[in-house]
């Protein structure tokens, strides 16, 4: 896997993935032109675990209508400002059984989500599940 970041001006950088996608990073305090790199790490965690949970629930033939994953993170006060604690909230829509949802989230966290496994080396990652029927 290959990625690049190119400085554009001021606090703006364009990140490019090997697959050809571009993301504008804004390292300024207001992040007006794009997310900060750390915001993207958090979004990547949400994306990674979402892919796992949806895939697992679909394989179990659970009636999933929607999934939103919200991440709330705390960072170290001093540089490097690594994440120290991350709480994920899984909002599951549909008539998914509680056991299937809990199993899917647990499997994502403990086995499949590579982003979570990397972040757990620096931060505590926990979660809760909300069911929106």
N, C-alpha and C. Protein backbone atom coordinates (compact mmCIF):
# COMPACT_ATOMS: atom_id res chain seq x y z
N UNK A 1 0.85 -1.17 0.00
CA UNK A 1 0.00 0.00 0.00
C UNK A 1 0.90 1.23 0.00
N UNK A 2 0.51 2.21 -0.78
CA UNK A 2 1.29 3.45 -0.90
C UNK A 2 0.34 4.63 -0.75
N UNK A 3 0.79 5.66 -0.05
CA UNK A 3 0.04 6.91 0.06
C UNK A 3 1.03 8.06 0.03
N UNK A 4 0.55 9.23 -0.37
CA UNK A 4 1.40 10.42 -0.38
C UNK A 4 0.63 11.58 0.23
N UNK A 5 1.37 12.57 0.67
CA UNK A 5 0.78 13.85 1.09
C UNK A 5 1.63 14.94 0.47
N UNK A 6 0.96 15.90 -0.15
CA UNK A 6 1.67 17.00 -0.79
C UNK A 6 1.19 18.31 -0.19
N UNK A 7 2.13 19.11 0.27
CA UNK A 7 1.83 20.42 0.82
C UNK A 7 1.37 21.32 -0.31
N UNK A 8 0.23 21.99 -0.10
CA UNK A 8 -0.32 22.89 -1.11
C UNK A 8 -0.02 24.34 -0.77
N UNK A 9 -0.40 24.75 0.44
CA UNK A 9 -0.13 26.11 0.92
C UNK A 9 -0.56 26.18 2.38
N UNK A 10 0.04 27.09 3.11
CA UNK A 10 -0.36 27.29 4.50
C UNK A 10 -0.43 25.99 5.27
N UNK A 11 -1.62 25.64 5.73
CA UNK A 11 -1.81 24.40 6.49
C UNK A 11 -2.56 23.34 5.68
N UNK A 12 -2.58 23.50 4.36
CA UNK A 12 -3.33 22.58 3.49
C UNK A 12 -2.41 21.57 2.81
N UNK A 13 -2.85 20.32 2.83
CA UNK A 13 -2.12 19.22 2.23
C UNK A 13 -3.11 18.34 1.48
N UNK A 14 -2.69 17.78 0.36
CA UNK A 14 -3.52 16.81 -0.35
C UNK A 14 -2.94 15.42 -0.12
N UNK A 15 -3.73 14.57 0.50
CA UNK A 15 -3.34 13.17 0.69
C UNK A 15 -3.89 12.36 -0.47
N UNK A 16 -3.07 11.47 -1.00
CA UNK A 16 -3.50 10.64 -2.13
C UNK A 16 -3.25 9.18 -1.80
N UNK A 17 -4.26 8.37 -2.12
CA UNK A 17 -4.15 6.93 -1.89
C UNK A 17 -3.66 6.24 -3.15
N UNK A 18 -3.17 5.04 -2.97
CA UNK A 18 -2.70 4.24 -4.09
C UNK A 18 -3.83 3.99 -5.09
N UNK A 19 -5.07 3.94 -4.60
CA UNK A 19 -6.21 3.70 -5.49
C UNK A 19 -6.66 4.96 -6.23
N UNK A 20 -5.98 6.08 -6.01
CA UNK A 20 -6.24 7.28 -6.79
C UNK A 20 -7.16 8.31 -6.16
N UNK A 21 -7.53 8.13 -4.92
CA UNK A 21 -8.42 9.08 -4.25
C UNK A 21 -7.61 10.16 -3.54
N UNK A 22 -8.19 11.37 -3.50
CA UNK A 22 -7.53 12.49 -2.86
C UNK A 22 -8.38 13.03 -1.72
N UNK A 23 -7.71 13.36 -0.62
CA UNK A 23 -8.36 13.97 0.54
C UNK A 23 -7.58 15.24 0.88
N UNK A 24 -8.29 16.33 1.05
CA UNK A 24 -7.66 17.58 1.46
C UNK A 24 -7.59 17.61 2.99
N UNK A 25 -6.39 17.72 3.52
CA UNK A 25 -6.18 17.86 4.96
C UNK A 25 -5.95 19.32 5.29
N UNK A 26 -6.55 19.78 6.36
CA UNK A 26 -6.33 21.15 6.84
C UNK A 26 -5.84 21.05 8.28
N UNK A 27 -4.57 21.30 8.48
CA UNK A 27 -3.96 21.20 9.81
C UNK A 27 -4.14 22.48 10.62
N UNK A 28 -4.84 23.48 10.07
CA UNK A 28 -5.13 24.70 10.82
C UNK A 28 -6.12 24.45 11.94
N UNK A 29 -6.24 25.38 12.83
CA UNK A 29 -7.07 25.18 14.02
C UNK A 29 -8.55 25.03 13.72
N UNK A 30 -9.03 25.60 12.62
CA UNK A 30 -10.46 25.53 12.30
C UNK A 30 -10.83 24.42 11.32
N UNK A 31 -9.86 23.82 10.67
CA UNK A 31 -10.09 22.74 9.70
C UNK A 31 -11.15 23.14 8.68
N UNK A 32 -11.07 24.36 8.19
CA UNK A 32 -12.09 24.89 7.29
C UNK A 32 -12.10 24.21 5.92
N UNK A 33 -10.93 23.78 5.42
CA UNK A 33 -10.86 23.23 4.07
C UNK A 33 -10.85 21.70 4.04
N UNK A 34 -10.87 21.07 5.20
CA UNK A 34 -10.85 19.61 5.25
C UNK A 34 -10.53 19.14 6.65
N UNK A 35 -10.62 17.85 6.88
CA UNK A 35 -10.34 17.32 8.20
C UNK A 35 -8.85 17.36 8.51
N UNK A 36 -8.53 17.32 9.81
CA UNK A 36 -7.13 17.18 10.20
C UNK A 36 -6.73 15.72 10.00
N UNK A 37 -5.44 15.44 9.95
CA UNK A 37 -5.03 14.04 9.85
C UNK A 37 -5.59 13.17 10.98
N UNK A 38 -5.63 13.68 12.20
CA UNK A 38 -6.15 12.88 13.31
C UNK A 38 -7.66 12.65 13.18
N UNK A 39 -8.39 13.63 12.65
CA UNK A 39 -9.81 13.40 12.39
C UNK A 39 -10.00 12.28 11.36
N UNK A 40 -9.12 12.22 10.38
CA UNK A 40 -9.21 11.17 9.37
C UNK A 40 -8.88 9.81 9.96
N UNK A 41 -7.95 9.76 10.92
CA UNK A 41 -7.67 8.48 11.59
C UNK A 41 -8.92 7.99 12.30
N UNK A 42 -9.61 8.91 12.98
CA UNK A 42 -10.83 8.54 13.69
C UNK A 42 -11.92 8.09 12.70
N UNK A 43 -12.04 8.81 11.59
CA UNK A 43 -13.02 8.42 10.56
C UNK A 43 -12.65 7.07 9.95
N UNK A 44 -11.35 6.81 9.79
CA UNK A 44 -10.91 5.52 9.26
C UNK A 44 -11.30 4.39 10.21
N UNK A 45 -11.20 4.64 11.50
CA UNK A 45 -11.63 3.64 12.48
C UNK A 45 -13.13 3.35 12.32
N UNK A 46 -13.93 4.41 12.20
CA UNK A 46 -15.37 4.22 12.01
C UNK A 46 -15.65 3.45 10.73
N UNK A 47 -14.95 3.78 9.66
CA UNK A 47 -15.15 3.09 8.39
C UNK A 47 -14.75 1.64 8.45
N UNK A 48 -13.61 1.37 9.06
CA UNK A 48 -13.09 0.01 9.15
C UNK A 48 -14.05 -0.90 9.91
N UNK A 49 -14.47 -0.46 11.07
CA UNK A 49 -15.35 -1.30 11.88
C UNK A 49 -16.74 -1.41 11.26
N UNK A 50 -17.20 -0.35 10.59
CA UNK A 50 -18.50 -0.41 9.91
C UNK A 50 -18.51 -1.48 8.83
N UNK A 51 -17.45 -1.53 8.04
CA UNK A 51 -17.35 -2.54 6.98
C UNK A 51 -17.45 -3.94 7.58
N UNK A 52 -16.74 -4.16 8.68
CA UNK A 52 -16.77 -5.47 9.34
C UNK A 52 -18.17 -5.82 9.82
N UNK A 53 -18.78 -4.90 10.56
CA UNK A 53 -20.08 -5.18 11.19
C UNK A 53 -21.15 -5.44 10.13
N UNK A 54 -21.19 -4.62 9.10
CA UNK A 54 -22.18 -4.83 8.03
C UNK A 54 -21.95 -6.19 7.36
N UNK A 55 -20.70 -6.50 7.04
CA UNK A 55 -20.39 -7.77 6.39
C UNK A 55 -20.80 -8.96 7.25
N UNK A 56 -20.48 -8.91 8.53
CA UNK A 56 -20.81 -10.01 9.44
C UNK A 56 -22.33 -10.18 9.56
N UNK A 57 -23.04 -9.07 9.74
CA UNK A 57 -24.49 -9.16 9.89
C UNK A 57 -25.16 -9.64 8.60
N UNK A 58 -24.64 -9.22 7.46
CA UNK A 58 -25.20 -9.70 6.20
C UNK A 58 -24.96 -11.20 6.02
N UNK A 59 -23.77 -11.67 6.40
CA UNK A 59 -23.49 -13.10 6.31
C UNK A 59 -24.39 -13.91 7.23
N UNK A 60 -24.78 -13.31 8.35
CA UNK A 60 -25.70 -13.98 9.29
C UNK A 60 -27.16 -13.81 8.86
N UNK A 61 -27.37 -13.09 7.75
CA UNK A 61 -28.71 -12.83 7.21
C UNK A 61 -29.60 -12.07 8.19
N UNK A 62 -28.97 -11.18 8.92
CA UNK A 62 -29.71 -10.32 9.85
C UNK A 62 -30.34 -9.17 9.07
N UNK A 63 -31.56 -8.76 9.43
CA UNK A 63 -32.27 -7.69 8.70
C UNK A 63 -31.76 -6.29 9.08
N UNK A 64 -30.56 -5.98 8.64
CA UNK A 64 -29.94 -4.69 8.91
C UNK A 64 -30.46 -3.64 7.94
N UNK A 65 -30.99 -2.53 8.48
CA UNK A 65 -31.47 -1.43 7.64
C UNK A 65 -30.50 -0.26 7.60
N UNK A 66 -29.63 -0.17 8.59
CA UNK A 66 -28.67 0.93 8.61
C UNK A 66 -27.70 0.81 9.77
N UNK A 67 -26.56 1.43 9.62
CA UNK A 67 -25.55 1.44 10.67
C UNK A 67 -24.82 2.78 10.64
N UNK A 68 -24.70 3.39 11.79
CA UNK A 68 -23.86 4.58 11.96
C UNK A 68 -22.93 4.31 13.12
N UNK A 69 -21.66 4.60 12.94
CA UNK A 69 -20.68 4.45 14.02
C UNK A 69 -20.15 5.84 14.34
N UNK A 70 -20.29 6.21 15.60
CA UNK A 70 -19.81 7.50 16.11
C UNK A 70 -18.60 7.24 16.98
N UNK A 71 -17.52 7.99 16.76
CA UNK A 71 -16.31 7.86 17.58
C UNK A 71 -16.08 9.16 18.34
N UNK A 72 -15.86 9.03 19.64
CA UNK A 72 -15.49 10.16 20.49
C UNK A 72 -14.14 9.82 21.10
N UNK A 73 -13.17 10.72 20.92
CA UNK A 73 -11.81 10.42 21.34
C UNK A 73 -11.24 11.50 22.25
N UNK A 74 -10.38 11.06 23.15
CA UNK A 74 -9.58 11.96 23.97
C UNK A 74 -8.14 11.85 23.50
N UNK A 75 -7.43 12.98 23.53
CA UNK A 75 -6.04 13.00 23.10
C UNK A 75 -5.13 13.41 24.24
N UNK A 76 -3.87 13.01 24.17
CA UNK A 76 -2.87 13.42 25.14
C UNK A 76 -2.75 14.94 25.11
N UNK A 77 -2.49 15.54 26.26
CA UNK A 77 -2.40 17.00 26.37
C UNK A 77 -1.16 17.56 25.68
N UNK A 78 -0.08 16.80 25.66
CA UNK A 78 1.18 17.25 25.07
C UNK A 78 1.50 16.46 23.80
N UNK A 79 2.32 17.07 22.97
CA UNK A 79 2.76 16.40 21.74
C UNK A 79 3.65 15.20 22.08
N UNK A 80 3.53 14.12 21.37
CA UNK A 80 2.57 13.90 20.30
C UNK A 80 1.17 13.66 20.88
N UNK A 81 0.18 14.31 20.30
CA UNK A 81 -1.20 14.26 20.84
C UNK A 81 -1.93 13.01 20.36
N UNK A 82 -1.40 11.86 20.76
CA UNK A 82 -2.01 10.58 20.39
C UNK A 82 -3.36 10.43 21.07
N UNK A 83 -4.19 9.60 20.50
CA UNK A 83 -5.44 9.27 21.16
C UNK A 83 -5.12 8.43 22.39
N UNK A 84 -5.79 8.73 23.49
CA UNK A 84 -5.60 7.97 24.72
C UNK A 84 -6.84 7.15 25.07
N UNK A 85 -8.00 7.60 24.60
CA UNK A 85 -9.25 6.89 24.85
C UNK A 85 -10.19 7.15 23.68
N UNK A 86 -10.83 6.08 23.22
CA UNK A 86 -11.79 6.19 22.12
C UNK A 86 -13.03 5.39 22.52
N UNK A 87 -14.18 6.03 22.39
CA UNK A 87 -15.45 5.32 22.62
C UNK A 87 -16.22 5.31 21.31
N UNK A 88 -16.60 4.12 20.88
CA UNK A 88 -17.39 3.95 19.66
C UNK A 88 -18.84 3.66 20.05
N UNK A 89 -19.76 4.36 19.39
CA UNK A 89 -21.18 4.08 19.56
C UNK A 89 -21.70 3.55 18.24
N UNK A 90 -22.23 2.34 18.27
CA UNK A 90 -22.80 1.70 17.09
C UNK A 90 -24.30 1.91 17.14
N UNK A 91 -24.86 2.60 16.16
CA UNK A 91 -26.30 2.81 16.07
C UNK A 91 -26.82 1.90 14.96
N UNK A 92 -27.49 0.86 15.37
CA UNK A 92 -27.95 -0.17 14.45
C UNK A 92 -29.44 -0.02 14.20
N UNK A 93 -29.81 0.03 12.91
CA UNK A 93 -31.21 0.14 12.52
C UNK A 93 -31.64 -1.16 11.83
N UNK A 94 -32.80 -1.62 12.22
CA UNK A 94 -33.34 -2.86 11.67
C UNK A 94 -33.68 -3.82 12.80
N UNK A 95 -34.19 -4.96 12.42
CA UNK A 95 -34.60 -5.95 13.43
C UNK A 95 -33.48 -6.96 13.68
N UNK A 96 -32.28 -6.43 13.86
CA UNK A 96 -31.10 -7.25 14.13
C UNK A 96 -31.19 -7.74 15.58
N UNK A 97 -30.93 -9.03 15.79
CA UNK A 97 -30.96 -9.54 17.16
C UNK A 97 -29.79 -8.95 17.95
N UNK A 98 -30.01 -8.78 19.24
CA UNK A 98 -28.95 -8.22 20.10
C UNK A 98 -27.71 -9.10 20.09
N UNK A 99 -27.90 -10.40 20.12
CA UNK A 99 -26.74 -11.30 20.13
C UNK A 99 -25.94 -11.16 18.85
N UNK A 100 -26.61 -11.11 17.71
CA UNK A 100 -25.91 -10.97 16.43
C UNK A 100 -25.14 -9.64 16.38
N UNK A 101 -25.76 -8.56 16.85
CA UNK A 101 -25.10 -7.26 16.86
C UNK A 101 -23.89 -7.28 17.78
N UNK A 102 -24.06 -7.82 18.98
CA UNK A 102 -22.95 -7.88 19.93
C UNK A 102 -21.82 -8.74 19.41
N UNK A 103 -22.14 -9.85 18.80
CA UNK A 103 -21.11 -10.72 18.22
C UNK A 103 -20.36 -10.02 17.09
N UNK A 104 -21.09 -9.33 16.23
CA UNK A 104 -20.47 -8.65 15.09
C UNK A 104 -19.53 -7.54 15.56
N UNK A 105 -19.97 -6.76 16.52
CA UNK A 105 -19.13 -5.66 17.03
C UNK A 105 -17.90 -6.24 17.73
N UNK A 106 -18.09 -7.27 18.52
CA UNK A 106 -16.97 -7.90 19.22
C UNK A 106 -15.96 -8.49 18.24
N UNK A 107 -16.44 -9.17 17.21
CA UNK A 107 -15.53 -9.73 16.20
C UNK A 107 -14.75 -8.64 15.49
N UNK A 108 -15.41 -7.53 15.18
CA UNK A 108 -14.72 -6.43 14.53
C UNK A 108 -13.61 -5.91 15.43
N UNK A 109 -13.95 -5.64 16.68
CA UNK A 109 -12.97 -5.06 17.61
C UNK A 109 -11.82 -6.01 17.90
N UNK A 110 -12.13 -7.26 18.14
CA UNK A 110 -11.13 -8.20 18.62
C UNK A 110 -10.41 -9.01 17.56
N UNK A 111 -10.94 -9.00 16.32
CA UNK A 111 -10.33 -9.86 15.31
C UNK A 111 -10.07 -9.19 13.96
N UNK A 112 -11.04 -8.43 13.45
CA UNK A 112 -10.96 -8.02 12.06
C UNK A 112 -10.50 -6.59 11.79
N UNK A 113 -10.85 -5.64 12.62
CA UNK A 113 -10.58 -4.23 12.29
C UNK A 113 -9.12 -3.87 12.55
N UNK A 114 -8.35 -3.76 11.48
CA UNK A 114 -6.92 -3.47 11.60
C UNK A 114 -6.67 -2.07 12.16
N UNK A 115 -7.53 -1.12 11.86
CA UNK A 115 -7.36 0.23 12.39
C UNK A 115 -7.53 0.21 13.91
N UNK A 116 -8.52 -0.49 14.39
CA UNK A 116 -8.74 -0.61 15.82
C UNK A 116 -7.55 -1.27 16.50
N UNK A 117 -7.05 -2.35 15.91
CA UNK A 117 -5.92 -3.06 16.51
C UNK A 117 -4.68 -2.16 16.59
N UNK A 118 -4.46 -1.32 15.60
CA UNK A 118 -3.33 -0.39 15.66
C UNK A 118 -3.53 0.66 16.74
N UNK A 119 -4.73 1.23 16.79
CA UNK A 119 -5.00 2.29 17.77
C UNK A 119 -4.97 1.78 19.21
N UNK A 120 -5.33 0.51 19.40
CA UNK A 120 -5.32 -0.07 20.75
C UNK A 120 -3.92 -0.14 21.34
N UNK A 121 -2.90 0.04 20.54
CA UNK A 121 -1.54 0.05 21.06
C UNK A 121 -1.26 1.35 21.83
N UNK A 122 -2.06 2.38 21.59
CA UNK A 122 -1.88 3.66 22.29
C UNK A 122 -3.10 4.08 23.10
N UNK A 123 -4.26 3.60 22.72
CA UNK A 123 -5.50 4.08 23.33
C UNK A 123 -6.39 2.93 23.81
N UNK A 124 -7.18 3.22 24.81
CA UNK A 124 -8.24 2.31 25.21
C UNK A 124 -9.40 2.51 24.25
N UNK A 125 -9.89 1.42 23.65
CA UNK A 125 -11.02 1.51 22.74
C UNK A 125 -12.16 0.68 23.34
N UNK A 126 -13.27 1.37 23.62
CA UNK A 126 -14.46 0.65 24.10
C UNK A 126 -15.65 1.05 23.25
N UNK A 127 -16.80 0.44 23.53
CA UNK A 127 -17.95 0.70 22.66
C UNK A 127 -19.27 0.47 23.40
N UNK A 128 -20.31 1.00 22.80
CA UNK A 128 -21.67 0.73 23.21
C UNK A 128 -22.50 0.55 21.94
N UNK A 129 -23.63 -0.13 22.09
CA UNK A 129 -24.51 -0.38 20.96
C UNK A 129 -25.88 0.18 21.26
N UNK A 130 -26.42 0.95 20.31
CA UNK A 130 -27.79 1.47 20.42
C UNK A 130 -28.62 0.84 19.31
N UNK A 131 -29.80 0.42 19.68
CA UNK A 131 -30.69 -0.23 18.71
C UNK A 131 -31.82 0.73 18.36
N UNK A 132 -31.99 0.97 17.07
CA UNK A 132 -33.02 1.91 16.63
C UNK A 132 -34.12 1.19 15.86
N UNK A 133 -34.31 -0.10 16.18
CA UNK A 133 -35.39 -0.91 15.64
C UNK A 133 -35.60 -0.71 14.22
